[in-house]
Amino acid sequence: MQEDKRRKEDSSHALDLVTVFEETGTTAEMEALGIQAVLEAEGIPVVLGGETSFPSLPWSVHVPKAEAARALQVIEDAKKAGPRAAAEAESAQERSQE
């Protein structure tokens, strides 16, 4: 009975990863890294997927399921704001890691 109660309270499914970006091509790695920087600047944990040895394979950005909607909104807002905002977000991330 106690174990059943713990299972119901288990929020691990909220931590399941969801793909919010996936692309192939010559700019896919740079786009994925830019999205990673923007999301991390907003405090959203990111798992980056990709392989530099095989450029035909996709690059992807994954976030916890519980953060997916917010991550998609942040990405959309960043695209609307343009490259300058992305550069500012990356600079903020670099400063926070010092």
Foldseek 3Di string as FASTA:
>chain_A
DVVVVVVVVDPCLQQDKDWLDKDADDCQVVVQVLLCLQCVLVVWDWDWDDDPVDRRGMIIIITGNNCNVVSNVSVVVDVVVDDVVSVVSNVSSVVVVD
